Amino acid sequence: MVTLRWMNRKLAVGLLDVLSERMGLTYLELQPSHITDEEATRLAGALRECKALARLDLKKNEIGAEGLGGEAGWGTGSECKALAHLDLSDNNIGVEGAAGLAGTRGECKALTRLDSKKNEI
């Protein structure tokens, strides 16, 4: 298990490439790391290789609707196979991002908990 807490943005972004090589990663906490839409998109790409990831905590960041959709591809592909808990609380998701997350629930068969409070929804 890898847990990263209270990381600064540069360190969090720098770890994204390393994480893609971490096949056994089961829990990742990147809060608060000031992760923006751009970094969320990169994170989604890196996590496609983390097939064992069961819990991802991204609360208290700066992720908006753009960081959850489009190129990010959250909820599609192999990054969802084991993901049971996704925490996106206290970001900037808004109504558009919430609509995108609703579609994610159907594709992430293992997802049993999705936290999205404090997101201007």
PDB file of N, CA and C in Angstrom:
ATOM      1  N   MET A   1       0.840  -1.174   0.000  1.00  0.00           N
ATOM      2  CA  MET A   1       0.000   0.000   0.000  1.00  0.00           C
ATOM      3  C   MET A   1       0.886   1.238   0.000  1.00  0.00           C
ATOM      4  N   VAL A   2       0.533   2.215  -0.828  1.00  0.00           N
ATOM      5  CA  VAL A   2       1.239   3.486  -0.869  1.00  0.00           C
ATOM      6  C   VAL A   2       0.248   4.564  -0.459  1.00  0.00           C
ATOM      7  N   THR A   3       0.599   5.347   0.543  1.00  0.00           N
ATOM      8  CA  THR A   3      -0.237   6.453   0.988  1.00  0.00           C
ATOM      9  C   THR A   3       0.615   7.710   0.943  1.00  0.00           C
ATOM     10  N   LEU A   4       0.134   8.691   0.242  1.00  0.00           N
ATOM     11  CA  LEU A   4       0.842   9.963   0.133  1.00  0.00           C
ATOM     12  C   LEU A   4      -0.090  11.054   0.646  1.00  0.00           C
ATOM     13  N   ARG A   5       0.331  11.758   1.677  1.00  0.00           N
ATOM     14  CA  ARG A   5      -0.513  12.785   2.276  1.00  0.00           C
ATOM     15  C   ARG A   5       0.214  14.113   2.325  1.00  0.00           C
ATOM     16  N   TRP A   6      -0.557  15.164   2.233  1.00  0.00           N
ATOM     17  CA  TRP A   6      -0.042  16.511   2.382  1.00  0.00           C
ATOM     18  C   TRP A   6       1.155  16.785   1.476  1.00  0.00           C
ATOM     19  N   MET A   7       1.017  16.376   0.241  1.00  0.00           N
ATOM     20  CA  MET A   7       2.101  16.563  -0.718  1.00  0.00           C
ATOM     21  C   MET A   7       1.977  17.912  -1.408  1.00  0.00           C
ATOM     22  N   ASN A   8       3.102  18.469  -1.800  1.00  0.00           N
ATOM     23  CA  ASN A   8       3.008  19.671  -2.599  1.00  0.00           C
ATOM     24  C   ASN A   8       2.760  19.273  -4.055  1.00  0.00           C
ATOM     25  N   ARG A   9       2.307  20.220  -4.837  1.00  0.00           N
ATOM     26  CA  ARG A   9       1.892  19.960  -6.218  1.00  0.00           C
ATOM     27  C   ARG A   9       3.025  19.394  -7.061  1.00  0.00           C
ATOM     28  N   LYS A  10       4.214  19.961  -6.962  1.00  0.00           N
ATOM     29  CA  LYS A  10       5.333  19.488  -7.781  1.00  0.00           C
ATOM     30  C   LYS A  10       5.670  18.039  -7.487  1.00  0.00           C
ATOM     31  N   LEU A  11       5.681  17.673  -6.229  1.00  0.00           N
ATOM     32  CA  LEU A  11       6.003  16.300  -5.865  1.00  0.00           C
ATOM     33  C   LEU A  11       4.916  15.349  -6.357  1.00  0.00           C
ATOM     34  N   ALA A  12       3.657  15.730  -6.200  1.00  0.00           N
ATOM     35  CA  ALA A  12       2.542  14.881  -6.641  1.00  0.00           C
ATOM     36  C   ALA A  12       2.602  14.657  -8.145  1.00  0.00           C
ATOM     37  N   VAL A  13       2.806  15.723  -8.899  1.00  0.00           N
ATOM     38  CA  VAL A  13       2.876  15.606 -10.355  1.00  0.00           C
ATOM     39  C   VAL A  13       4.088  14.793 -10.774  1.00  0.00           C
ATOM     40  N   GLY A  14       5.193  14.959 -10.087  1.00  0.00           N
ATOM     41  CA  GLY A  14       6.402  14.211 -10.403  1.00  0.00           C
ATOM     42  C   GLY A  14       6.258  12.712 -10.179  1.00  0.00           C
ATOM     43  N   LEU A  15       5.378  12.322  -9.292  1.00  0.00           N
ATOM     44  CA  LEU A  15       5.181  10.902  -9.005  1.00  0.00           C
ATOM     45  C   LEU A  15       4.281  10.202 -10.015  1.00  0.00           C
ATOM     46  N   LEU A  16       3.571  10.933 -10.838  1.00  0.00           N
ATOM     47  CA  LEU A  16       2.609  10.315 -11.747  1.00  0.00           C
ATOM     48  C   LEU A  16       3.250   9.286 -12.669  1.00  0.00           C
ATOM     49  N   ASP A  17       4.403   9.592 -13.216  1.00  0.00           N
ATOM     50  CA  ASP A  17       5.068   8.645 -14.108  1.00  0.00           C
ATOM     51  C   ASP A  17       5.538   7.404 -13.356  1.00  0.00           C
ATOM     52  N   VAL A  18       6.004   7.595 -12.129  1.00  0.00           N
ATOM     53  CA  VAL A  18       6.442   6.472 -11.315  1.00  0.00           C
ATOM     54  C   VAL A  18       5.261   5.568 -10.984  1.00  0.00           C
ATOM     55  N   LEU A  19       4.114   6.162 -10.702  1.00  0.00           N
ATOM     56  CA  LEU A  19       2.934   5.385 -10.329  1.00  0.00           C
ATOM     57  C   LEU A  19       2.488   4.452 -11.446  1.00  0.00           C
ATOM     58  N   SER A  20       2.687   4.855 -12.683  1.00  0.00           N
ATOM     59  CA  SER A  20       2.258   4.016 -13.794  1.00  0.00           C
ATOM     60  C   SER A  20       3.024   2.690 -13.826  1.00  0.00           C
ATOM     61  N   GLU A  21       4.180   2.658 -13.197  1.00  0.00           N
ATOM     62  CA  GLU A  21       4.970   1.429 -13.143  1.00  0.00           C
ATOM     63  C   GLU A  21       4.644   0.597 -11.900  1.00  0.00           C
ATOM     64  N   ARG A  22       3.820   1.116 -11.026  1.00  0.00           N
ATOM     65  CA  ARG A  22       3.489   0.479  -9.748  1.00  0.00           C
ATOM     66  C   ARG A  22       2.238  -0.376  -9.892  1.00  0.00           C
ATOM     67  N   MET A  23       2.355  -1.548 -10.464  1.00  0.00           N
ATOM     68  CA  MET A  23       1.203  -2.406 -10.733  1.00  0.00           C
ATOM     69  C   MET A  23       0.466  -2.833  -9.468  1.00  0.00           C
ATOM     70  N   GLY A  24       1.154  -2.949  -8.334  1.00  0.00           N
ATOM     71  CA  GLY A  24       0.537  -3.430  -7.112  1.00  0.00           C
ATOM     72  C   GLY A  24      -0.088  -2.347  -6.246  1.00  0.00           C
ATOM     73  N   LEU A  25      -0.134  -1.114  -6.713  1.00  0.00           N
ATOM     74  CA  LEU A  25      -0.696  -0.006  -5.945  1.00  0.00           C
ATOM     75  C   LEU A  25      -2.167  -0.263  -5.649  1.00  0.00           C
ATOM     76  N   THR A  26      -2.550  -0.262  -4.347  1.00  0.00           N
ATOM     77  CA  THR A  26      -3.942  -0.511  -3.974  1.00  0.00           C
ATOM     78  C   THR A  26      -4.621   0.706  -3.363  1.00  0.00           C
ATOM     79  N   TYR A  27      -3.861   1.618  -2.757  1.00  0.00           N
ATOM     80  CA  TYR A  27      -4.448   2.795  -2.112  1.00  0.00           C
ATOM     81  C   TYR A  27      -3.556   4.001  -2.360  1.00  0.00           C
ATOM     82  N   LEU A  28      -4.149   5.064  -2.866  1.00  0.00           N
ATOM     83  CA  LEU A  28      -3.398   6.275  -3.146  1.00  0.00           C
ATOM     84  C   LEU A  28      -4.163   7.472  -2.618  1.00  0.00           C
ATOM     85  N   GLU A  29      -3.509   8.238  -1.754  1.00  0.00           N
ATOM     86  CA  GLU A  29      -4.103   9.441  -1.175  1.00  0.00           C
ATOM     87  C   GLU A  29      -3.253  10.629  -1.586  1.00  0.00           C
ATOM     88  N   LEU A  30      -3.829  11.507  -2.384  1.00  0.00           N
ATOM     89  CA  LEU A  30      -3.142  12.709  -2.848  1.00  0.00           C
ATOM     90  C   LEU A  30      -3.973  13.927  -2.455  1.00  0.00           C
ATOM     91  N   GLN A  31      -4.044  14.194  -1.184  1.00  0.00           N
ATOM     92  CA  GLN A  31      -4.830  15.321  -0.702  1.00  0.00           C
ATOM     93  C   GLN A  31      -4.151  15.994   0.470  1.00  0.00           C
ATOM     94  N   PRO A  32      -4.186  17.274   0.540  1.00  0.00           N
ATOM     95  CA  PRO A  32      -4.433  18.222  -0.535  1.00  0.00           C
ATOM     96  C   PRO A  32      -3.131  18.490  -1.275  1.00  0.00           C
ATOM     97  N   SER A  33      -3.147  18.320  -2.563  1.00  0.00           N
ATOM     98  CA  SER A  33      -1.940  18.484  -3.372  1.00  0.00           C
ATOM     99  C   SER A  33      -2.087  19.566  -4.436  1.00  0.00           C
ATOM    100  N   HIS A  34      -3.193  20.285  -4.428  1.00  0.00           N
ATOM    101  CA  HIS A  34      -3.470  21.348  -5.399  1.00  0.00           C
ATOM    102  C   HIS A  34      -3.465  20.807  -6.832  1.00  0.00           C
ATOM    103  N   ILE A  35      -3.967  19.594  -7.007  1.00  0.00           N
ATOM    104  CA  ILE A  35      -4.034  18.973  -8.325  1.00  0.00           C
ATOM    105  C   ILE A  35      -5.117  19.666  -9.141  1.00  0.00           C
ATOM    106  N   THR A  36      -4.746  20.108 -10.332  1.00  0.00           N
ATOM    107  CA  THR A  36      -5.668  20.813 -11.225  1.00  0.00           C
ATOM    108  C   THR A  36      -6.207  19.848 -12.275  1.00  0.00           C
ATOM    109  N   ASP A  37      -7.023  20.368 -13.191  1.00  0.00           N
ATOM    110  CA  ASP A  37      -7.567  19.548 -14.267  1.00  0.00           C
ATOM    111  C   ASP A  37      -6.459  18.894 -15.087  1.00  0.00           C
ATOM    112  N   GLU A  38      -5.417  19.659 -15.393  1.00  0.00           N
ATOM    113  CA  GLU A  38      -4.317  19.125 -16.200  1.00  0.00           C
ATOM    114  C   GLU A  38      -3.643  17.941 -15.503  1.00  0.00           C
ATOM    115  N   GLU A  39      -3.358  18.093 -14.215  1.00  0.00           N
ATOM    116  CA  GLU A  39      -2.724  16.997 -13.480  1.00  0.00           C
ATOM    117  C   GLU A  39      -3.675  15.817 -13.299  1.00  0.00           C
ATOM    118  N   ALA A  40      -4.975  16.089 -13.139  1.00  0.00           N
ATOM    119  CA  ALA A  40      -5.959  15.006 -13.012  1.00  0.00           C
ATOM    120  C   ALA A  40      -6.010  14.176 -14.286  1.00  0.00           C
ATOM    121  N   THR A  41      -5.870  14.833 -15.430  1.00  0.00           N
ATOM    122  CA  THR A  41      -5.845  14.126 -16.710  1.00  0.00           C
ATOM    123  C   THR A  41      -4.610  13.234 -16.789  1.00  0.00           C
ATOM    124  N   ARG A  42      -3.458  13.765 -16.379  1.00  0.00           N
ATOM    125  CA  ARG A  42      -2.220  12.966 -16.371  1.00  0.00           C
ATOM    126  C   ARG A  42      -2.321  11.813 -15.381  1.00  0.00           C
ATOM    127  N   LEU A  43      -2.940  12.072 -14.232  1.00  0.00           N
ATOM    128  CA  LEU A  43      -3.105  11.038 -13.225  1.00  0.00           C
ATOM    129  C   LEU A  43      -3.971   9.899 -13.746  1.00  0.00           C
ATOM    130  N   ALA A  44      -5.055  10.226 -14.432  1.00  0.00           N
ATOM    131  CA  ALA A  44      -5.933   9.191 -14.999  1.00  0.00           C
ATOM    132  C   ALA A  44      -5.149   8.302 -15.959  1.00  0.00           C
ATOM    133  N   GLY A  45      -4.292   8.919 -16.767  1.00  0.00           N
ATOM    134  CA  GLY A  45      -3.474   8.144 -17.699  1.00  0.00           C
ATOM    135  C   GLY A  45      -2.502   7.219 -16.982  1.00  0.00           C
ATOM    136  N   ALA A  46      -1.848   7.727 -15.939  1.00  0.00           N
ATOM    137  CA  ALA A  46      -0.886   6.914 -15.187  1.00  0.00           C
ATOM    138  C   ALA A  46      -1.570   5.770 -14.460  1.00  0.00           C
ATOM    139  N   LEU A  47      -2.768   6.009 -13.948  1.00  0.00           N
ATOM    140  CA  LEU A  47      -3.456   4.995 -13.159  1.00  0.00           C
ATOM    141  C   LEU A  47      -4.070   3.888 -13.999  1.00  0.00           C
ATOM    142  N   ARG A  48      -4.088   4.031 -15.303  1.00  0.00           N
ATOM    143  CA  ARG A  48      -4.586   2.964 -16.173  1.00  0.00           C
ATOM    144  C   ARG A  48      -3.773   1.682 -15.998  1.00  0.00           C
ATOM    145  N   GLU A  49      -2.523   1.834 -15.561  1.00  0.00           N
ATOM    146  CA  GLU A  49      -1.653   0.679 -15.352  1.00  0.00           C
ATOM    147  C   GLU A  49      -1.734   0.131 -13.931  1.00  0.00           C
ATOM    148  N   CYS A  50      -2.432   0.821 -13.049  1.00  0.00           N
ATOM    149  CA  CYS A  50      -2.553   0.401 -11.645  1.00  0.00           C
ATOM    150  C   CYS A  50      -3.844  -0.394 -11.488  1.00  0.00           C
ATOM    151  N   LYS A  51      -3.826  -1.596 -11.976  1.00  0.00           N
ATOM    152  CA  LYS A  51      -5.034  -2.416 -12.044  1.00  0.00           C
ATOM    153  C   LYS A  51      -5.545  -2.875 -10.687  1.00  0.00           C
ATOM    154  N   ALA A  52      -4.714  -2.825  -9.647  1.00  0.00           N
ATOM    155  CA  ALA A  52      -5.127  -3.263  -8.313  1.00  0.00           C
ATOM    156  C   ALA A  52      -5.646  -2.118  -7.451  1.00  0.00           C
ATOM    157  N   LEU A  53      -5.619  -0.889  -7.964  1.00  0.00           N
ATOM    158  CA  LEU A  53      -6.024   0.274  -7.168  1.00  0.00           C
ATOM    159  C   LEU A  53      -7.476   0.139  -6.717  1.00  0.00           C
ATOM    160  N   ALA A  54      -7.676   0.064  -5.399  1.00  0.00           N
ATOM    161  CA  ALA A  54      -9.013  -0.094  -4.837  1.00  0.00           C
ATOM    162  C   ALA A  54      -9.539   1.197  -4.223  1.00  0.00           C
ATOM    163  N   ARG A  55      -8.630   2.092  -3.812  1.00  0.00           N
ATOM    164  CA  ARG A  55      -9.071   3.343  -3.189  1.00  0.00           C
ATOM    165  C   ARG A  55      -8.206   4.496  -3.681  1.00  0.00           C
ATOM    166  N   LEU A  56      -8.869   5.557  -4.121  1.00  0.00           N
ATOM    167  CA  LEU A  56      -8.192   6.758  -4.597  1.00  0.00           C
ATOM    168  C   LEU A  56      -8.805   7.964  -3.908  1.00  0.00           C
ATOM    169  N   ASP A  57      -7.991   8.689  -3.153  1.00  0.00           N
ATOM    170  CA  ASP A  57      -8.452   9.847  -2.395  1.00  0.00           C
ATOM    171  C   ASP A  57      -7.835  11.109  -3.000  1.00  0.00           C
ATOM    172  N   LEU A  58      -8.672  11.901  -3.646  1.00  0.00           N
ATOM    173  CA  LEU A  58      -8.235  13.143  -4.270  1.00  0.00           C
ATOM    174  C   LEU A  58      -8.947  14.354  -3.676  1.00  0.00           C
ATOM    175  N   LYS A  59      -9.431  14.230  -2.440  1.00  0.00           N
ATOM    176  CA  LYS A  59     -10.170  15.349  -1.857  1.00  0.00           C
ATOM    177  C   LYS A  59      -9.260  16.541  -1.602  1.00  0.00           C
ATOM    178  N   LYS A  60      -9.890  17.713  -1.526  1.00  0.00           N
ATOM    179  CA  LYS A  60      -9.206  18.984  -1.251  1.00  0.00           C
ATOM    180  C   LYS A  60      -8.161  19.321  -2.302  1.00  0.00           C
ATOM    181  N   ASN A  61      -8.533  19.176  -3.569  1.00  0.00           N
ATOM    182  CA  ASN A  61      -7.675  19.575  -4.675  1.00  0.00           C
ATOM    183  C   ASN A  61      -8.397  20.633  -5.504  1.00  0.00           C
ATOM    184  N   GLU A  62      -8.003  20.818  -6.735  1.00  0.00           N
ATOM    185  CA  GLU A  62      -8.594  21.834  -7.606  1.00  0.00           C
ATOM    186  C   GLU A  62      -9.118  21.212  -8.891  1.00  0.00           C
ATOM    187  N   ILE A  63      -9.654  20.011  -8.786  1.00  0.00           N
ATOM    188  CA  ILE A  63     -10.132  19.269  -9.950  1.00  0.00           C
ATOM    189  C   ILE A  63     -11.526  19.740 -10.319  1.00  0.00           C
ATOM    190  N   GLY A  64     -11.701  20.066 -11.599  1.00  0.00           N
ATOM    191  CA  GLY A  64     -12.991  20.508 -12.107  1.00  0.00           C
ATOM    192  C   GLY A  64     -13.544  19.500 -13.099  1.00  0.00           C
ATOM    193  N   ALA A  65     -14.612  19.884 -13.771  1.00  0.00           N
ATOM    194  CA  ALA A  65     -15.268  18.998 -14.733  1.00  0.00           C
ATOM    195  C   ALA A  65     -14.315  18.569 -15.845  1.00  0.00           C
ATOM    196  N   GLU A  66     -13.458  19.468 -16.300  1.00  0.00           N
ATOM    197  CA  GLU A  66     -12.513  19.158 -17.378  1.00  0.00           C
ATOM    198  C   GLU A  66     -11.528  18.066 -16.972  1.00  0.00           C
ATOM    199  N   GLY A  67     -11.152  18.040 -15.714  1.00  0.00           N
ATOM    200  CA  GLY A  67     -10.210  17.039 -15.226  1.00  0.00           C
ATOM    201  C   GLY A  67     -10.819  15.658 -15.062  1.00  0.00           C
ATOM    202  N   LEU A  68     -12.148  15.568 -15.183  1.00  0.00           N
ATOM    203  CA  LEU A  68     -12.828  14.283 -15.034  1.00  0.00           C
ATOM    204  C   LEU A  68     -13.286  13.700 -16.361  1.00  0.00           C
ATOM    205  N   GLY A  69     -13.325  14.512 -17.396  1.00  0.00           N
ATOM    206  CA  GLY A  69     -13.859  14.033 -18.672  1.00  0.00           C
ATOM    207  C   GLY A  69     -12.854  14.185 -19.792  1.00  0.00           C
ATOM    208  N   GLY A  70     -13.338  14.092 -20.993  1.00  0.00           N
ATOM    209  CA  GLY A  70     -12.511  14.286 -22.175  1.00  0.00           C
ATOM    210  C   GLY A  70     -11.305  13.376 -22.205  1.00  0.00           C
ATOM    211  N   GLU A  71     -10.123  13.971 -22.310  1.00  0.00           N
ATOM    212  CA  GLU A  71      -8.873  13.215 -22.395  1.00  0.00           C
ATOM    213  C   GLU A  71      -8.593  12.408 -21.136  1.00  0.00           C
ATOM    214  N   ALA A  72      -9.124  12.855 -20.000  1.00  0.00           N
ATOM    215  CA  ALA A  72      -8.844  12.161 -18.744  1.00  0.00           C
ATOM    216  C   ALA A  72      -9.319  10.716 -18.791  1.00  0.00           C
ATOM    217  N   GLY A  73     -10.513  10.512 -19.319  1.00  0.00           N
ATOM    218  CA  GLY A  73     -11.017   9.149 -19.443  1.00  0.00           C
ATOM    219  C   GLY A  73     -11.300   8.464 -18.124  1.00  0.00           C
ATOM    220  N   TRP A  74     -11.610   9.225 -17.060  1.00  0.00           N
ATOM    221  CA  TRP A  74     -11.972   8.612 -15.790  1.00  0.00           C
ATOM    222  C   TRP A  74     -13.187   7.747 -16.017  1.00  0.00           C
ATOM    223  N   GLY A  75     -13.150   6.555 -15.507  1.00  0.00           N
ATOM    224  CA  GLY A  75     -14.303   5.666 -15.607  1.00  0.00           C
ATOM    225  C   GLY A  75     -14.309   4.801 -16.843  1.00  0.00           C
ATOM    226  N   THR A  76     -13.265   4.905 -17.664  1.00  0.00           N
ATOM    227  CA  THR A  76     -13.189   4.051 -18.846  1.00  0.00           C
ATOM    228  C   THR A  76     -11.858   3.323 -18.835  1.00  0.00           C
ATOM    229  N   GLY A  77     -11.816   2.161 -19.384  1.00  0.00           N
ATOM    230  CA  GLY A  77     -10.566   1.432 -19.477  1.00  0.00           C
ATOM    231  C   GLY A  77     -10.215   0.687 -18.210  1.00  0.00           C
ATOM    232  N   SER A  78      -8.964   0.277 -18.112  1.00  0.00           N
ATOM    233  CA  SER A  78      -8.541  -0.633 -17.047  1.00  0.00           C
ATOM    234  C   SER A  78      -8.367   0.017 -15.686  1.00  0.00           C
ATOM    235  N   GLU A  79      -8.348   1.358 -15.600  1.00  0.00           N
ATOM    236  CA  GLU A  79      -8.115   1.962 -14.293  1.00  0.00           C
ATOM    237  C   GLU A  79      -9.260   1.732 -13.326  1.00  0.00           C
ATOM    238  N   CYS A  80     -10.354   1.206 -13.803  1.00  0.00           N
ATOM    239  CA  CYS A  80     -11.541   1.034 -12.968  1.00  0.00           C
ATOM    240  C   CYS A  80     -11.739  -0.369 -12.411  1.00  0.00           C
ATOM    241  N   LYS A  81     -10.999  -1.328 -12.845  1.00  0.00           N
ATOM    242  CA  LYS A  81     -11.280  -2.731 -12.523  1.00  0.00           C
ATOM    243  C   LYS A  81     -11.481  -3.001 -11.034  1.00  0.00           C
ATOM    244  N   ALA A  82     -10.627  -2.488 -10.166  1.00  0.00           N
ATOM    245  CA  ALA A  82     -10.709  -2.780  -8.736  1.00  0.00           C
ATOM    246  C   ALA A  82     -11.148  -1.581  -7.903  1.00  0.00           C
ATOM    247  N   LEU A  83     -11.305  -0.415  -8.517  1.00  0.00           N
ATOM    248  CA  LEU A  83     -11.598   0.806  -7.771  1.00  0.00           C
ATOM    249  C   LEU A  83     -12.951   0.713  -7.066  1.00  0.00           C
ATOM    250  N   ALA A  84     -12.905   0.662  -5.735  1.00  0.00           N
ATOM    251  CA  ALA A  84     -14.118   0.545  -4.934  1.00  0.00           C
ATOM    252  C   ALA A  84     -14.474   1.857  -4.235  1.00  0.00           C
ATOM    253  N   HIS A  85     -13.481   2.713  -3.991  1.00  0.00           N
ATOM    254  CA  HIS A  85     -13.719   3.967  -3.258  1.00  0.00           C
ATOM    255  C   HIS A  85     -12.977   5.107  -3.945  1.00  0.00           C
ATOM    256  N   LEU A  86     -13.731   6.078  -4.420  1.00  0.00           N
ATOM    257  CA  LEU A  86     -13.174   7.271  -5.057  1.00  0.00           C
ATOM    258  C   LEU A  86     -13.662   8.486  -4.294  1.00  0.00           C
ATOM    259  N   ASP A  87     -12.737   9.260  -3.728  1.00  0.00           N
ATOM    260  CA  ASP A  87     -13.091  10.455  -2.955  1.00  0.00           C
ATOM    261  C   ASP A  87     -12.642  11.695  -3.723  1.00  0.00           C
ATOM    262  N   LEU A  88     -13.618  12.445  -4.203  1.00  0.00           N
ATOM    263  CA  LEU A  88     -13.371  13.687  -4.917  1.00  0.00           C
ATOM    264  C   LEU A  88     -13.971  14.877  -4.164  1.00  0.00           C
ATOM    265  N   SER A  89     -14.163  14.732  -2.861  1.00  0.00           N
ATOM    266  CA  SER A  89     -14.745  15.788  -2.037  1.00  0.00           C
ATOM    267  C   SER A  89     -13.906  17.055  -2.079  1.00  0.00           C
ATOM    268  N   ASP A  90     -14.586  18.193  -1.957  1.00  0.00           N
ATOM    269  CA  ASP A  90     -13.928  19.492  -1.821  1.00  0.00           C
ATOM    270  C   ASP A  90     -13.006  19.815  -2.993  1.00  0.00           C
ATOM    271  N   ASN A  91     -13.546  19.667  -4.207  1.00  0.00           N
ATOM    272  CA  ASN A  91     -12.867  20.071  -5.436  1.00  0.00           C
ATOM    273  C   ASN A  91     -13.744  21.110  -6.123  1.00  0.00           C
ATOM    274  N   ASN A  92     -13.662  21.239  -7.424  1.00  0.00           N
ATOM    275  CA  ASN A  92     -14.455  22.208  -8.189  1.00  0.00           C
ATOM    276  C   ASN A  92     -15.245  21.512  -9.290  1.00  0.00           C
ATOM    277  N   ILE A  93     -15.819  20.370  -8.984  1.00  0.00           N
ATOM    278  CA  ILE A  93     -16.452  19.529  -9.996  1.00  0.00           C
ATOM    279  C   ILE A  93     -17.665  20.187 -10.643  1.00  0.00           C
ATOM    280  N   GLY A  94     -18.553  20.761  -9.856  1.00  0.00           N
ATOM    281  CA  GLY A  94     -19.745  21.414 -10.386  1.00  0.00           C
ATOM    282  C   GLY A  94     -20.730  20.433 -11.000  1.00  0.00           C
ATOM    283  N   VAL A  95     -21.780  20.982 -11.577  1.00  0.00           N
ATOM    284  CA  VAL A  95     -22.860  20.168 -12.151  1.00  0.00           C
ATOM    285  C   VAL A  95     -22.371  19.352 -13.345  1.00  0.00           C
ATOM    286  N   GLU A  96     -21.577  19.957 -14.217  1.00  0.00           N
ATOM    287  CA  GLU A  96     -21.066  19.254 -15.405  1.00  0.00           C
ATOM    288  C   GLU A  96     -20.197  18.059 -15.019  1.00  0.00           C
ATOM    289  N   GLY A  97     -19.337  18.249 -14.047  1.00  0.00           N
ATOM    290  CA  GLY A  97     -18.490  17.153 -13.582  1.00  0.00           C
ATOM    291  C   GLY A  97     -19.295  16.048 -12.911  1.00  0.00           C
ATOM    292  N   ALA A  98     -20.337  16.449 -12.178  1.00  0.00           N
ATOM    293  CA  ALA A  98     -21.197  15.460 -11.521  1.00  0.00           C
ATOM    294  C   ALA A  98     -21.904  14.592 -12.549  1.00  0.00           C
ATOM    295  N   ALA A  99     -22.318  15.204 -13.653  1.00  0.00           N
ATOM    296  CA  ALA A  99     -22.964  14.435 -14.723  1.00  0.00           C
ATOM    297  C   ALA A  99     -21.991  13.415 -15.310  1.00  0.00           C
ATOM    298  N   GLY A 100     -20.737  13.799 -15.478  1.00  0.00           N
ATOM    299  CA  GLY A 100     -19.722  12.875 -15.967  1.00  0.00           C
ATOM    300  C   GLY A 100     -19.468  11.741 -14.991  1.00  0.00           C
ATOM    301  N   LEU A 101     -19.480  12.060 -13.699  1.00  0.00           N
ATOM    302  CA  LEU A 101     -19.271  11.036 -12.677  1.00  0.00           C
ATOM    303  C   LEU A 101     -20.422  10.035 -12.642  1.00  0.00           C
ATOM    304  N   ALA A 102     -21.624  10.497 -12.958  1.00  0.00           N
ATOM    305  CA  ALA A 102     -22.768   9.591 -12.976  1.00  0.00           C
ATOM    306  C   ALA A 102     -22.535   8.472 -13.992  1.00  0.00           C
ATOM    307  N   GLY A 103     -21.934   8.792 -15.140  1.00  0.00           N
ATOM    308  CA  GLY A 103     -21.609   7.786 -16.144  1.00  0.00           C
ATOM    309  C   GLY A 103     -20.511   6.847 -15.684  1.00  0.00           C
ATOM    310  N   THR A 104     -19.584   7.365 -14.884  1.00  0.00           N
ATOM    311  CA  THR A 104     -18.482   6.561 -14.361  1.00  0.00           C
ATOM    312  C   THR A 104     -18.987   5.419 -13.499  1.00  0.00           C
ATOM    313  N   ARG A 105     -20.011   5.672 -12.717  1.00  0.00           N
ATOM    314  CA  ARG A 105     -20.542   4.642 -11.817  1.00  0.00           C
ATOM    315  C   ARG A 105     -20.922   3.380 -12.569  1.00  0.00           C
ATOM    316  N   GLY A 106     -21.485   3.522 -13.766  1.00  0.00           N
ATOM    317  CA  GLY A 106     -21.899   2.354 -14.532  1.00  0.00           C
ATOM    318  C   GLY A 106     -20.734   1.544 -15.075  1.00  0.00           C
ATOM    319  N   GLU A 107     -19.605   2.195 -15.356  1.00  0.00           N
ATOM    320  CA  GLU A 107     -18.461   1.507 -15.938  1.00  0.00           C
ATOM    321  C   GLU A 107     -17.516   0.931 -14.891  1.00  0.00           C
ATOM    322  N   CYS A 108     -17.548   1.468 -13.695  1.00  0.00           N
ATOM    323  CA  CYS A 108     -16.690   0.984 -12.614  1.00  0.00           C
ATOM    324  C   CYS A 108     -17.494   0.002 -11.772  1.00  0.00           C
ATOM    325  N   LYS A 109     -17.475  -1.228 -12.166  1.00  0.00           N
ATOM    326  CA  LYS A 109     -18.297  -2.261 -11.524  1.00  0.00           C
ATOM    327  C   LYS A 109     -17.978  -2.446 -10.050  1.00  0.00           C
ATOM    328  N   ALA A 110     -16.737  -2.245  -9.635  1.00  0.00           N
ATOM    329  CA  ALA A 110     -16.350  -2.450  -8.240  1.00  0.00           C
ATOM    330  C   ALA A 110     -16.652  -1.231  -7.364  1.00  0.00           C
ATOM    331  N   LEU A 111     -16.960  -0.089  -7.969  1.00  0.00           N
ATOM    332  CA  LEU A 111     -17.147   1.156  -7.216  1.00  0.00           C
ATOM    333  C   LEU A 111     -18.377   1.074  -6.313  1.00  0.00           C
ATOM    334  N   THR A 112     -18.139   1.156  -5.006  1.00  0.00           N
ATOM    335  CA  THR A 112     -19.232   1.115  -4.041  1.00  0.00           C
ATOM    336  C   THR A 112     -19.365   2.423  -3.282  1.00  0.00           C
ATOM    337  N   ARG A 113     -18.327   3.269  -3.336  1.00  0.00           N
ATOM    338  CA  ARG A 113     -18.378   4.548  -2.623  1.00  0.00           C
ATOM    339  C   ARG A 113     -17.762   5.642  -3.481  1.00  0.00           C
ATOM    340  N   LEU A 114     -18.547   6.677  -3.726  1.00  0.00           N
ATOM    341  CA  LEU A 114     -18.099   7.847  -4.470  1.00  0.00           C
ATOM    342  C   LEU A 114     -18.424   9.073  -3.644  1.00  0.00           C
ATOM    343  N   ASP A 115     -17.412   9.730  -3.101  1.00  0.00           N
ATOM    344  CA  ASP A 115     -17.607  10.921  -2.286  1.00  0.00           C
ATOM    345  C   ASP A 115     -17.409  12.159  -3.152  1.00  0.00           C
ATOM    346  N   SER A 116     -18.430  13.011  -3.178  1.00  0.00           N
ATOM    347  CA  SER A 116     -18.357  14.220  -4.015  1.00  0.00           C
ATOM    348  C   SER A 116     -18.896  15.451  -3.296  1.00  0.00           C
ATOM    349  N   LYS A 117     -18.943  15.430  -1.986  1.00  0.00           N
ATOM    350  CA  LYS A 117     -19.462  16.586  -1.250  1.00  0.00           C
ATOM    351  C   LYS A 117     -18.540  17.797  -1.404  1.00  0.00           C
ATOM    352  N   LYS A 118     -19.078  18.976  -1.149  1.00  0.00           N
ATOM    353  CA  LYS A 118     -18.349  20.243  -1.244  1.00  0.00           C
ATOM    354  C   LYS A 118     -17.771  20.467  -2.643  1.00  0.00           C
ATOM    355  N   ASN A 119     -18.623  20.349  -3.657  1.00  0.00           N
ATOM    356  CA  ASN A 119     -18.187  20.513  -5.033  1.00  0.00           C
ATOM    357  C   ASN A 119     -19.097  21.435  -5.848  1.00  0.00           C
ATOM    358  N   GLU A 120     -19.832  22.297  -5.199  1.00  0.00           N
ATOM    359  CA  GLU A 120     -20.722  23.231  -5.887  1.00  0.00           C
ATOM    360  C   GLU A 120     -21.692  22.521  -6.813  1.00  0.00           C
ATOM    361  N   ILE A 121     -22.228  21.410  -6.332  1.00  0.00           N
ATOM    362  CA  ILE A 121     -23.204  20.645  -7.121  1.00  0.00           C
ATOM    363  C   ILE A 121     -24.595  21.052  -6.690  1.00  0.00           C
TER     364      ILE A 121
END
